[in-house]
C-alpha atoms as a PDB file:
ATOM      1  CA  UNK A   1     -20.948 -23.054  -1.690  1.00  0.00           C
ATOM      2  CA  UNK A   2     -17.417 -23.895  -2.378  1.00  0.00           C
ATOM      3  CA  UNK A   3     -16.198 -22.456  -5.662  1.00  0.00           C
ATOM      4  CA  UNK A   4     -12.903 -23.025  -7.689  1.00  0.00           C
ATOM      5  CA  UNK A   5      -9.965 -21.597  -7.131  1.00  0.00           C
ATOM      6  CA  UNK A   6      -8.692 -19.568 -10.072  1.00  0.00           C
ATOM      7  CA  UNK A   7      -5.350 -20.595 -11.049  1.00  0.00           C
ATOM      8  CA  UNK A   8      -2.425 -20.410 -13.528  1.00  0.00           C
ATOM      9  CA  UNK A   9      -2.702 -19.229 -16.390  1.00  0.00           C
ATOM     10  CA  UNK A  10      -6.123 -17.855 -15.742  1.00  0.00           C
ATOM     11  CA  UNK A  11      -6.014 -14.485 -17.210  1.00  0.00           C
ATOM     12  CA  UNK A  12      -8.660 -13.438 -14.603  1.00  0.00           C
ATOM     13  CA  UNK A  13      -5.833 -12.613 -12.203  1.00  0.00           C
ATOM     14  CA  UNK A  14      -5.073  -9.718 -13.518  1.00  0.00           C
ATOM     15  CA  UNK A  15      -8.692  -8.045 -13.636  1.00  0.00           C
ATOM     16  CA  UNK A  16      -9.478  -5.120 -11.283  1.00  0.00           C
ATOM     17  CA  UNK A  17     -12.046  -5.321  -8.815  1.00  0.00           C
ATOM     18  CA  UNK A  18     -14.629  -3.455  -9.224  1.00  0.00           C
ATOM     19  CA  UNK A  19     -16.027  -1.529  -5.640  1.00  0.00           C
ATOM     20  CA  UNK A  20     -18.876  -2.938  -4.256  1.00  0.00           C
ATOM     21  CA  UNK A  21     -22.006  -0.753  -4.012  1.00  0.00           C
ATOM     22  CA  UNK A  22     -24.802  -2.630  -3.540  1.00  0.00           C
ATOM     23  CA  UNK A  23     -24.632  -4.332  -0.122  1.00  0.00           C
ATOM     24  CA  UNK A  24     -26.982  -7.210  -1.068  1.00  0.00           C
ATOM     25  CA  UNK A  25     -27.859 -10.509  -0.971  1.00  0.00           C
ATOM     26  CA  UNK A  26     -25.531 -10.542  -3.838  1.00  0.00           C
ATOM     27  CA  UNK A  27     -22.873  -9.681  -1.832  1.00  0.00           C
ATOM     28  CA  UNK A  28     -23.743 -11.852   1.183  1.00  0.00           C
ATOM     29  CA  UNK A  29     -23.704 -14.831  -0.716  1.00  0.00           C
ATOM     30  CA  UNK A  30     -20.083 -14.108  -2.554  1.00  0.00           C
ATOM     31  CA  UNK A  31     -18.855 -13.646   1.132  1.00  0.00           C
ATOM     32  CA  UNK A  32     -20.726 -16.941   2.162  1.00  0.00           C
ATOM     33  CA  UNK A  33     -19.015 -18.919  -1.056  1.00  0.00           C
ATOM     34  CA  UNK A  34     -15.302 -17.023  -0.020  1.00  0.00           C
ATOM     35  CA  UNK A  35     -16.293 -18.976   3.589  1.00  0.00           C
ATOM     36  CA  UNK A  36     -17.032 -22.103   2.177  1.00  0.00           C
ATOM     37  CA  UNK A  37     -13.997 -22.192   0.113  1.00  0.00           C
ATOM     38  CA  UNK A  38     -11.629 -20.615   2.656  1.00  0.00           C
ATOM     39  CA  UNK A  39     -12.772 -23.988   5.004  1.00  0.00           C
ATOM     40  CA  UNK A  40     -12.806 -26.476   2.439  1.00  0.00           C
ATOM     41  CA  UNK A  41      -8.794 -25.592   1.165  1.00  0.00           C
ATOM     42  CA  UNK A  42      -7.767 -24.448   4.925  1.00  0.00           C
ATOM     43  CA  UNK A  43      -6.893 -20.550   3.594  1.00  0.00           C
ATOM     44  CA  UNK A  44      -5.834 -17.945   5.893  1.00  0.00           C
ATOM     45  CA  UNK A  45      -7.194 -15.264   3.893  1.00  0.00           C
ATOM     46  CA  UNK A  46      -9.272 -15.192   0.148  1.00  0.00           C
ATOM     47  CA  UNK A  47      -9.822 -12.647  -2.369  1.00  0.00           C
ATOM     48  CA  UNK A  48     -13.342 -12.794  -4.211  1.00  0.00           C
ATOM     49  CA  UNK A  49     -11.349 -12.363  -7.762  1.00  0.00           C
ATOM     50  CA  UNK A  50      -9.648 -16.139  -6.631  1.00  0.00           C
ATOM     51  CA  UNK A  51     -12.706 -17.697  -6.932  1.00  0.00           C
ATOM     52  CA  UNK A  52     -13.456 -15.494 -10.043  1.00  0.00           C
ATOM     53  CA  UNK A  53     -15.865 -12.750  -8.425  1.00  0.00           C
ATOM     54  CA  UNK A  54     -14.574  -8.955  -9.657  1.00  0.00           C
ATOM     55  CA  UNK A  55     -15.780  -7.738  -6.359  1.00  0.00           C
ATOM     56  CA  UNK A  56     -13.045  -5.708  -3.983  1.00  0.00           C
ATOM     57  CA  UNK A  57     -13.587  -8.274  -0.959  1.00  0.00           C
ATOM     58  CA  UNK A  58     -11.418  -9.487   0.926  1.00  0.00           C
ATOM     59  CA  UNK A  59     -12.053 -12.455   3.782  1.00  0.00           C
ATOM     60  CA  UNK A  60      -9.304 -12.901   6.667  1.00  0.00           C
ATOM     61  CA  UNK A  61      -9.671 -15.396   9.392  1.00  0.00           C
ATOM     62  CA  UNK A  62      -9.236 -14.316  12.413  1.00  0.00           C
ATOM     63  CA  UNK A  63      -9.346 -17.106  15.087  1.00  0.00           C
ATOM     64  CA  UNK A  64     -12.407 -18.747  14.635  1.00  0.00           C
ATOM     65  CA  UNK A  65     -14.332 -16.001  12.724  1.00  0.00           C
ATOM     66  CA  UNK A  66     -14.240 -14.764   8.748  1.00  0.00           C
ATOM     67  CA  UNK A  67     -14.374 -11.555   8.740  1.00  0.00           C
ATOM     68  CA  UNK A  68     -14.972  -9.602   5.252  1.00  0.00           C
ATOM     69  CA  UNK A  69     -13.736  -6.218   4.292  1.00  0.00           C
ATOM     70  CA  UNK A  70     -15.047  -4.744   1.291  1.00  0.00           C
ATOM     71  CA  UNK A  71     -13.786  -2.355  -0.412  1.00  0.00           C
ATOM     72  CA  UNK A  72     -10.594  -1.963   1.140  1.00  0.00           C
ATOM     73  CA  UNK A  73      -7.802   0.493   1.135  1.00  0.00           C
ATOM     74  CA  UNK A  74      -4.389   1.092   2.374  1.00  0.00           C
ATOM     75  CA  UNK A  75      -3.923   4.447   4.065  1.00  0.00           C
ATOM     76  CA  UNK A  76      -0.957   3.862   7.088  1.00  0.00           C
ATOM     77  CA  UNK A  77       1.876   2.248   6.407  1.00  0.00           C
ATOM     78  CA  UNK A  78       5.479   1.674   8.450  1.00  0.00           C
ATOM     79  CA  UNK A  79       8.647  -0.514   8.980  1.00  0.00           C
ATOM     80  CA  UNK A  80       9.200  -2.636   6.279  1.00  0.00           C
ATOM     81  CA  UNK A  81      10.514  -6.540   6.371  1.00  0.00           C
ATOM     82  CA  UNK A  82      11.336  -9.186   3.969  1.00  0.00           C
ATOM     83  CA  UNK A  83       8.575 -11.684   4.122  1.00  0.00           C
ATOM     84  CA  UNK A  84       9.024 -15.416   2.152  1.00  0.00           C
ATOM     85  CA  UNK A  85       5.244 -15.654  -0.079  1.00  0.00           C
ATOM     86  CA  UNK A  86       3.735 -18.341  -1.810  1.00  0.00           C
ATOM     87  CA  UNK A  87       0.843 -18.236  -3.794  1.00  0.00           C
ATOM     88  CA  UNK A  88      -2.272 -19.249  -4.516  1.00  0.00           C
ATOM     89  CA  UNK A  89      -2.844 -18.595  -8.512  1.00  0.00           C
ATOM     90  CA  UNK A  90       1.504 -19.592  -8.927  1.00  0.00           C
ATOM     91  CA  UNK A  91       1.298 -22.915  -6.582  1.00  0.00           C
ATOM     92  CA  UNK A  92       4.736 -24.379  -6.199  1.00  0.00           C
ATOM     93  CA  UNK A  93       6.565 -20.874  -6.491  1.00  0.00           C
ATOM     94  CA  UNK A  94       7.709 -18.703  -3.211  1.00  0.00           C
ATOM     95  CA  UNK A  95       9.196 -15.713  -3.029  1.00  0.00           C
ATOM     96  CA  UNK A  96      11.078 -13.085  -1.009  1.00  0.00           C
ATOM     97  CA  UNK A  97       8.732 -10.000  -0.995  1.00  0.00           C
ATOM     98  CA  UNK A  98       8.968  -6.566   0.857  1.00  0.00           C
ATOM     99  CA  UNK A  99       6.130  -5.740   2.787  1.00  0.00           C
ATOM    100  CA  UNK A 100       4.940  -3.406   5.586  1.00  0.00           C
ATOM    101  CA  UNK A 101       4.564  -4.965   8.977  1.00  0.00           C
ATOM    102  CA  UNK A 102       1.818  -2.472  10.317  1.00  0.00           C
ATOM    103  CA  UNK A 103      -1.094  -0.830   8.054  1.00  0.00           C
ATOM    104  CA  UNK A 104      -3.746   0.671   8.621  1.00  0.00           C
ATOM    105  CA  UNK A 105      -6.831  -0.448   6.679  1.00  0.00           C
ATOM    106  CA  UNK A 106     -10.291   1.375   5.479  1.00  0.00           C
ATOM    107  CA  UNK A 107     -13.239  -0.549   4.315  1.00  0.00           C
ATOM    108  CA  UNK A 108     -17.150  -1.154   4.899  1.00  0.00           C
ATOM    109  CA  UNK A 109     -18.826  -4.242   6.506  1.00  0.00           C
ATOM    110  CA  UNK A 110     -21.219  -6.185   4.781  1.00  0.00           C
ATOM    111  CA  UNK A 111     -23.830  -3.752   5.606  1.00  0.00           C
ATOM    112  CA  UNK A 112     -22.149  -0.574   3.997  1.00  0.00           C
ATOM    113  CA  UNK A 113     -21.002   1.093   7.093  1.00  0.00           C
ATOM    114  CA  UNK A 114     -17.140   2.621   7.324  1.00  0.00           C
ATOM    115  CA  UNK A 115     -14.710   1.157   9.501  1.00  0.00           C
ATOM    116  CA  UNK A 116     -10.901   1.001   9.876  1.00  0.00           C
ATOM    117  CA  UNK A 117      -8.429  -1.022  11.673  1.00  0.00           C
ATOM    118  CA  UNK A 118      -4.252  -1.592  12.493  1.00  0.00           C
ATOM    119  CA  UNK A 119      -2.965  -4.676  11.141  1.00  0.00           C
ATOM    120  CA  UNK A 120       0.459  -5.904  12.648  1.00  0.00           C
ATOM    121  CA  UNK A 121       2.955  -8.533  11.696  1.00  0.00           C
ATOM    122  CA  UNK A 122       2.244 -11.533   9.650  1.00  0.00           C
ATOM    123  CA  UNK A 123      -1.705 -10.292   9.623  1.00  0.00           C
ATOM    124  CA  UNK A 124      -0.568  -7.219   8.015  1.00  0.00           C
ATOM    125  CA  UNK A 125       1.530  -9.048   5.469  1.00  0.00           C
ATOM    126  CA  UNK A 126      -1.378 -11.487   4.592  1.00  0.00           C
ATOM    127  CA  UNK A 127      -3.511  -8.962   3.936  1.00  0.00           C
ATOM    128  CA  UNK A 128      -1.507  -7.019   1.720  1.00  0.00           C
ATOM    129  CA  UNK A 129      -0.583 -10.229  -0.654  1.00  0.00           C
ATOM    130  CA  UNK A 130      -4.617 -10.454  -1.194  1.00  0.00           C
ATOM    131  CA  UNK A 131      -5.133  -6.327  -1.336  1.00  0.00           C
ATOM    132  CA  UNK A 132      -2.774  -6.479  -4.097  1.00  0.00           C
ATOM    133  CA  UNK A 133      -5.086  -9.610  -5.746  1.00  0.00           C
ATOM    134  CA  UNK A 134      -7.950  -7.097  -6.021  1.00  0.00           C
ATOM    135  CA  UNK A 135      -6.034  -4.752  -8.511  1.00  0.00           C
ATOM    136  CA  UNK A 136      -5.062  -7.065 -10.745  1.00  0.00           C
ATOM    137  CA  UNK A 137      -1.313  -7.819  -8.556  1.00  0.00           C
ATOM    138  CA  UNK A 138       0.584 -10.514  -7.413  1.00  0.00           C
ATOM    139  CA  UNK A 139       3.303 -11.041  -6.049  1.00  0.00           C
ATOM    140  CA  UNK A 140       5.206 -11.501  -9.262  1.00  0.00           C
ATOM    141  CA  UNK A 141       4.946  -7.419  -9.781  1.00  0.00           C
ATOM    142  CA  UNK A 142       7.050  -7.193  -6.363  1.00  0.00           C
ATOM    143  CA  UNK A 143      10.587  -8.834  -7.125  1.00  0.00           C
ATOM    144  CA  UNK A 144      13.314  -7.336  -9.425  1.00  0.00           C
ATOM    145  CA  UNK A 145      13.604  -8.067 -13.114  1.00  0.00           C
ATOM    146  CA  UNK A 146      16.271 -11.355 -12.832  1.00  0.00           C
ATOM    147  CA  UNK A 147      13.544 -12.657 -10.336  1.00  0.00           C
ATOM    148  CA  UNK A 148      10.948 -12.339 -12.669  1.00  0.00           C
ATOM    149  CA  UNK A 149      12.905 -13.435 -15.608  1.00  0.00           C
ATOM    150  CA  UNK A 150      13.220 -16.651 -13.559  1.00  0.00           C
ATOM    151  CA  UNK A 151       9.719 -17.151 -13.177  1.00  0.00           C
ATOM    152  CA  UNK A 152       8.808 -16.236 -16.731  1.00  0.00           C
ATOM    153  CA  UNK A 153      11.157 -18.999 -17.539  1.00  0.00           C
ATOM    154  CA  UNK A 154       9.941 -21.958 -15.381  1.00  0.00           C
ATOM    155  CA  UNK A 155       6.331 -21.108 -16.194  1.00  0.00           C
ATOM    156  CA  UNK A 156       4.452 -23.181 -18.902  1.00  0.00           C
ATOM    157  CA  UNK A 157       3.310 -20.423 -20.895  1.00  0.00           C
ATOM    158  CA  UNK A 158       5.462 -17.805 -19.239  1.00  0.00           C
ATOM    159  CA  UNK A 159       3.804 -15.042 -16.907  1.00  0.00           C
ATOM    160  CA  UNK A 160       0.269 -13.594 -17.453  1.00  0.00           C
ATOM    161  CA  UNK A 161       0.407 -10.261 -19.276  1.00  0.00           C
ATOM    162  CA  UNK A 162      -0.838  -7.311 -17.871  1.00  0.00           C
ATOM    163  CA  UNK A 163      -3.492  -5.803 -20.542  1.00  0.00           C
ATOM    164  CA  UNK A 164      -2.927  -2.512 -18.623  1.00  0.00           C
ATOM    165  CA  UNK A 165       0.593  -2.159 -19.405  1.00  0.00           C
ATOM    166  CA  UNK A 166       3.049  -1.886 -16.967  1.00  0.00           C
ATOM    167  CA  UNK A 167       4.046  -3.901 -13.492  1.00  0.00           C
ATOM    168  CA  UNK A 168       4.251  -2.342 -10.257  1.00  0.00           C
ATOM    169  CA  UNK A 169       7.933  -1.188 -10.624  1.00  0.00           C
ATOM    170  CA  UNK A 170      10.087  -1.518  -7.528  1.00  0.00           C
ATOM    171  CA  UNK A 171      10.757   1.552  -6.836  1.00  0.00           C
ATOM    172  CA  UNK A 172       7.947   4.626  -7.280  1.00  0.00           C
ATOM    173  CA  UNK A 173       9.249   8.211  -8.777  1.00  0.00           C
ATOM    174  CA  UNK A 174       7.552   9.574  -6.308  1.00  0.00           C
ATOM    175  CA  UNK A 175       9.251   8.193  -3.165  1.00  0.00           C
ATOM    176  CA  UNK A 176      12.146  10.483  -4.173  1.00  0.00           C
ATOM    177  CA  UNK A 177      10.022  13.343  -3.305  1.00  0.00           C
ATOM    178  CA  UNK A 178       8.845  12.327   0.015  1.00  0.00           C
ATOM    179  CA  UNK A 179      12.611  10.960   1.526  1.00  0.00           C
ATOM    180  CA  UNK A 180      13.422  14.773  -0.331  1.00  0.00           C
ATOM    181  CA  UNK A 181      10.518  15.959   2.071  1.00  0.00           C
ATOM    182  CA  UNK A 182      11.196  13.998   5.198  1.00  0.00           C
ATOM    183  CA  UNK A 183      15.184  14.372   4.846  1.00  0.00           C
ATOM    184  CA  UNK A 184      14.917  18.205   5.072  1.00  0.00           C
ATOM    185  CA  UNK A 185      12.662  18.472   7.596  1.00  0.00           C
ATOM    186  CA  UNK A 186      14.403  16.170   9.046  1.00  0.00           C
ATOM    187  CA  UNK A 187      17.650  18.498   9.154  1.00  0.00           C
ATOM    188  CA  UNK A 188      15.380  21.248   9.871  1.00  0.00           C
ATOM    189  CA  UNK A 189      14.151  19.523  13.146  1.00  0.00           C
ATOM    190  CA  UNK A 190      17.880  18.659  13.823  1.00  0.00           C
ATOM    191  CA  UNK A 191      18.898  22.162  13.710  1.00  0.00           C
ATOM    192  CA  UNK A 192      16.162  23.056  16.681  1.00  0.00           C
ATOM    193  CA  UNK A 193      19.318  21.863  18.872  1.00  0.00           C
ATOM    194  CA  UNK A 194      21.474  24.940  17.797  1.00  0.00           C
ATOM    195  CA  UNK A 195      19.895  27.898  20.280  1.00  0.00           C
ATOM    196  CA  UNK A 196      21.598  25.528  22.927  1.00  0.00           C
ATOM    197  CA  UNK A 197      24.960  25.630  21.983  1.00  0.00           C
ATOM    198  CA  UNK A 198      25.546  28.693  19.654  1.00  0.00           C
ATOM    199  CA  UNK A 199      25.410  32.630  20.657  1.00  0.00           C
ATOM    200  CA  UNK A 200      22.411  34.985  20.014  1.00  0.00           C
ATOM    201  CA  UNK A 201      24.487  36.746  17.706  1.00  0.00           C
ATOM    202  CA  UNK A 202      24.284  33.245  14.913  1.00  0.00           C
ATOM    203  CA  UNK A 203      20.332  33.202  15.561  1.00  0.00           C
ATOM    204  CA  UNK A 204      19.576  34.994  12.798  1.00  0.00           C
ATOM    205  CA  UNK A 205      21.751  33.105  10.134  1.00  0.00           C
ATOM    206  CA  UNK A 206      20.647  30.234  11.627  1.00  0.00           C
ATOM    207  CA  UNK A 207      16.641  31.012  11.314  1.00  0.00           C
ATOM    208  CA  UNK A 208      17.360  32.417   7.610  1.00  0.00           C
ATOM    209  CA  UNK A 209      19.016  29.177   6.487  1.00  0.00           C
ATOM    210  CA  UNK A 210      16.125  27.112   7.927  1.00  0.00           C
ATOM    211  CA  UNK A 211      13.537  29.372   6.606  1.00  0.00           C
ATOM    212  CA  UNK A 212      15.407  28.589   2.818  1.00  0.00           C
ATOM    213  CA  UNK A 213      15.356  24.922   3.612  1.00  0.00           C
ATOM    214  CA  UNK A 214      11.227  25.066   4.888  1.00  0.00           C
ATOM    215  CA  UNK A 215      10.214  26.955   1.507  1.00  0.00           C
ATOM    216  CA  UNK A 216      11.362  23.650  -0.561  1.00  0.00           C
ATOM    217  CA  UNK A 217       9.471  21.195   1.734  1.00  0.00           C
ATOM    218  CA  UNK A 218       6.295  22.181  -0.007  1.00  0.00           C
ATOM    219  CA  UNK A 219       7.578  22.045  -3.479  1.00  0.00           C
ATOM    220  CA  UNK A 220       8.779  18.449  -2.909  1.00  0.00           C
ATOM    221  CA  UNK A 221       5.373  17.607  -1.547  1.00  0.00           C
ATOM    222  CA  UNK A 222       3.697  19.212  -4.705  1.00  0.00           C
ATOM    223  CA  UNK A 223       5.980  16.957  -6.708  1.00  0.00           C
ATOM    224  CA  UNK A 224       5.335  13.988  -4.564  1.00  0.00           C
ATOM    225  CA  UNK A 225       1.444  14.122  -5.088  1.00  0.00           C
ATOM    226  CA  UNK A 226       1.992  15.173  -8.783  1.00  0.00           C
ATOM    227  CA  UNK A 227       3.840  11.892  -9.558  1.00  0.00           C
ATOM    228  CA  UNK A 228       1.330   9.763  -7.349  1.00  0.00           C
ATOM    229  CA  UNK A 229      -1.509  10.625  -9.117  1.00  0.00           C
ATOM    230  CA  UNK A 230       0.775   9.907 -12.064  1.00  0.00           C
ATOM    231  CA  UNK A 231       2.028   6.539 -11.433  1.00  0.00           C
ATOM    232  CA  UNK A 232      -1.550   5.926 -10.019  1.00  0.00           C
ATOM    233  CA  UNK A 233      -3.119   6.342 -13.491  1.00  0.00           C
ATOM    234  CA  UNK A 234       0.240   3.597 -14.949  1.00  0.00           C
ATOM    235  CA  UNK A 235       0.192   1.135 -12.429  1.00  0.00           C
ATOM    236  CA  UNK A 236      -3.508   0.579 -12.170  1.00  0.00           C
ATOM    237  CA  UNK A 237      -2.736  -2.683 -10.508  1.00  0.00           C
ATOM    238  CA  UNK A 238      -0.224  -1.817  -7.509  1.00  0.00           C
ATOM    239  CA  UNK A 239      -2.490  -1.491  -3.690  1.00  0.00           C
ATOM    240  CA  UNK A 240       0.290   1.515  -3.246  1.00  0.00           C
ATOM    241  CA  UNK A 241      -0.967   3.517  -6.208  1.00  0.00           C
ATOM    242  CA  UNK A 242      -4.113   3.770  -4.235  1.00  0.00           C
ATOM    243  CA  UNK A 243      -5.607   7.285  -4.331  1.00  0.00           C
ATOM    244  CA  UNK A 244      -6.418   6.674  -0.331  1.00  0.00           C
ATOM    245  CA  UNK A 245      -2.895   5.952   0.229  1.00  0.00           C
ATOM    246  CA  UNK A 246      -1.590   8.941  -1.740  1.00  0.00           C
ATOM    247  CA  UNK A 247      -4.022  11.306   0.649  1.00  0.00           C
ATOM    248  CA  UNK A 248      -3.025   9.523   3.433  1.00  0.00           C
ATOM    249  CA  UNK A 249       0.726   9.938   3.048  1.00  0.00           C
ATOM    250  CA  UNK A 250       0.143  13.628   1.908  1.00  0.00           C
ATOM    251  CA  UNK A 251      -1.726  14.291   4.902  1.00  0.00           C
ATOM    252  CA  UNK A 252       1.010  13.330   7.073  1.00  0.00           C
ATOM    253  CA  UNK A 253       3.587  15.270   5.650  1.00  0.00           C
ATOM    254  CA  UNK A 254       1.299  18.286   5.836  1.00  0.00           C
ATOM    255  CA  UNK A 255       1.414  17.405   8.893  1.00  0.00           C
ATOM    256  CA  UNK A 256       4.411  17.195   9.838  1.00  0.00           C
ATOM    257  CA  UNK A 257       5.356  20.242   7.835  1.00  0.00           C
ATOM    258  CA  UNK A 258       2.901  22.475  10.115  1.00  0.00           C
ATOM    259  CA  UNK A 259       4.970  21.037  12.975  1.00  0.00           C
ATOM    260  CA  UNK A 260       8.708  21.999  11.677  1.00  0.00           C
ATOM    261  CA  UNK A 261       7.488  25.391  10.434  1.00  0.00           C
ATOM    262  CA  UNK A 262       5.810  26.292  13.988  1.00  0.00           C
ATOM    263  CA  UNK A 263       9.465  25.581  15.558  1.00  0.00           C
ATOM    264  CA  UNK A 264      11.214  27.537  12.595  1.00  0.00           C
ATOM    265  CA  UNK A 265       9.115  30.484  13.084  1.00  0.00           C
ATOM    266  CA  UNK A 266       8.627  29.714  17.286  1.00  0.00           C
ATOM    267  CA  UNK A 267      11.515  29.033  18.557  1.00  0.00           C
ATOM    268  CA  UNK A 268      14.430  29.323  16.130  1.00  0.00           C
ATOM    269  CA  UNK A 269      13.616  33.065  14.752  1.00  0.00           C
ATOM    270  CA  UNK A 270      14.896  35.559  16.562  1.00  0.00           C
END
């Protein structure tokens, strides 16, 4: 059945979609309606909330197939680029948005089986945009304050209010901790070439400096985790605040720390 797509100023766009718990005929009917709506409107992707169904379900057109992603989460992302996006919800508006060009998605199929997939380029961008809808967010939440003001002035009734308080900021405090940890590990890794150019008398000094720098990395990672979960509660509509995303990033930082630590104690230590 073809459903009507909700458009501005319908406030349902700000609802956070619920995870699917029952993989039954109701879910299959919802997905069938999404596909019918996509075909009728020549769409490449659709989120359930855009037809008024509060399920965390995205359908992507991939070739001649329509692939459902149920309870999707991003667990890995890299390589940002600027894309010009348009929105089904805010017709007639386009904005430049930073998106990751490589993402790893975990999700469930229509039978509840866990899946994962790597997406790149335009496919990755499109998925992020439609995942935003599932968490009560739109591209408006990703632009700077001046652009948001201009959009607000342009719209007849202004921007749709966010009842949960606060939209996605362009910069998260947690990112400073993550960048600090990465830069510290980069500096330590760069010191691994010193044994080739310095005499043995300096080896103990290099080791002590590296060990002191290494001790700060776990503190920065802990700071990242604490702020990440704080911001996940504050900005519930942001896809980058998902628990899976936070855990994935923490795991990557942890592995990088262990590798750097091994280098310090097995290579630098005299």
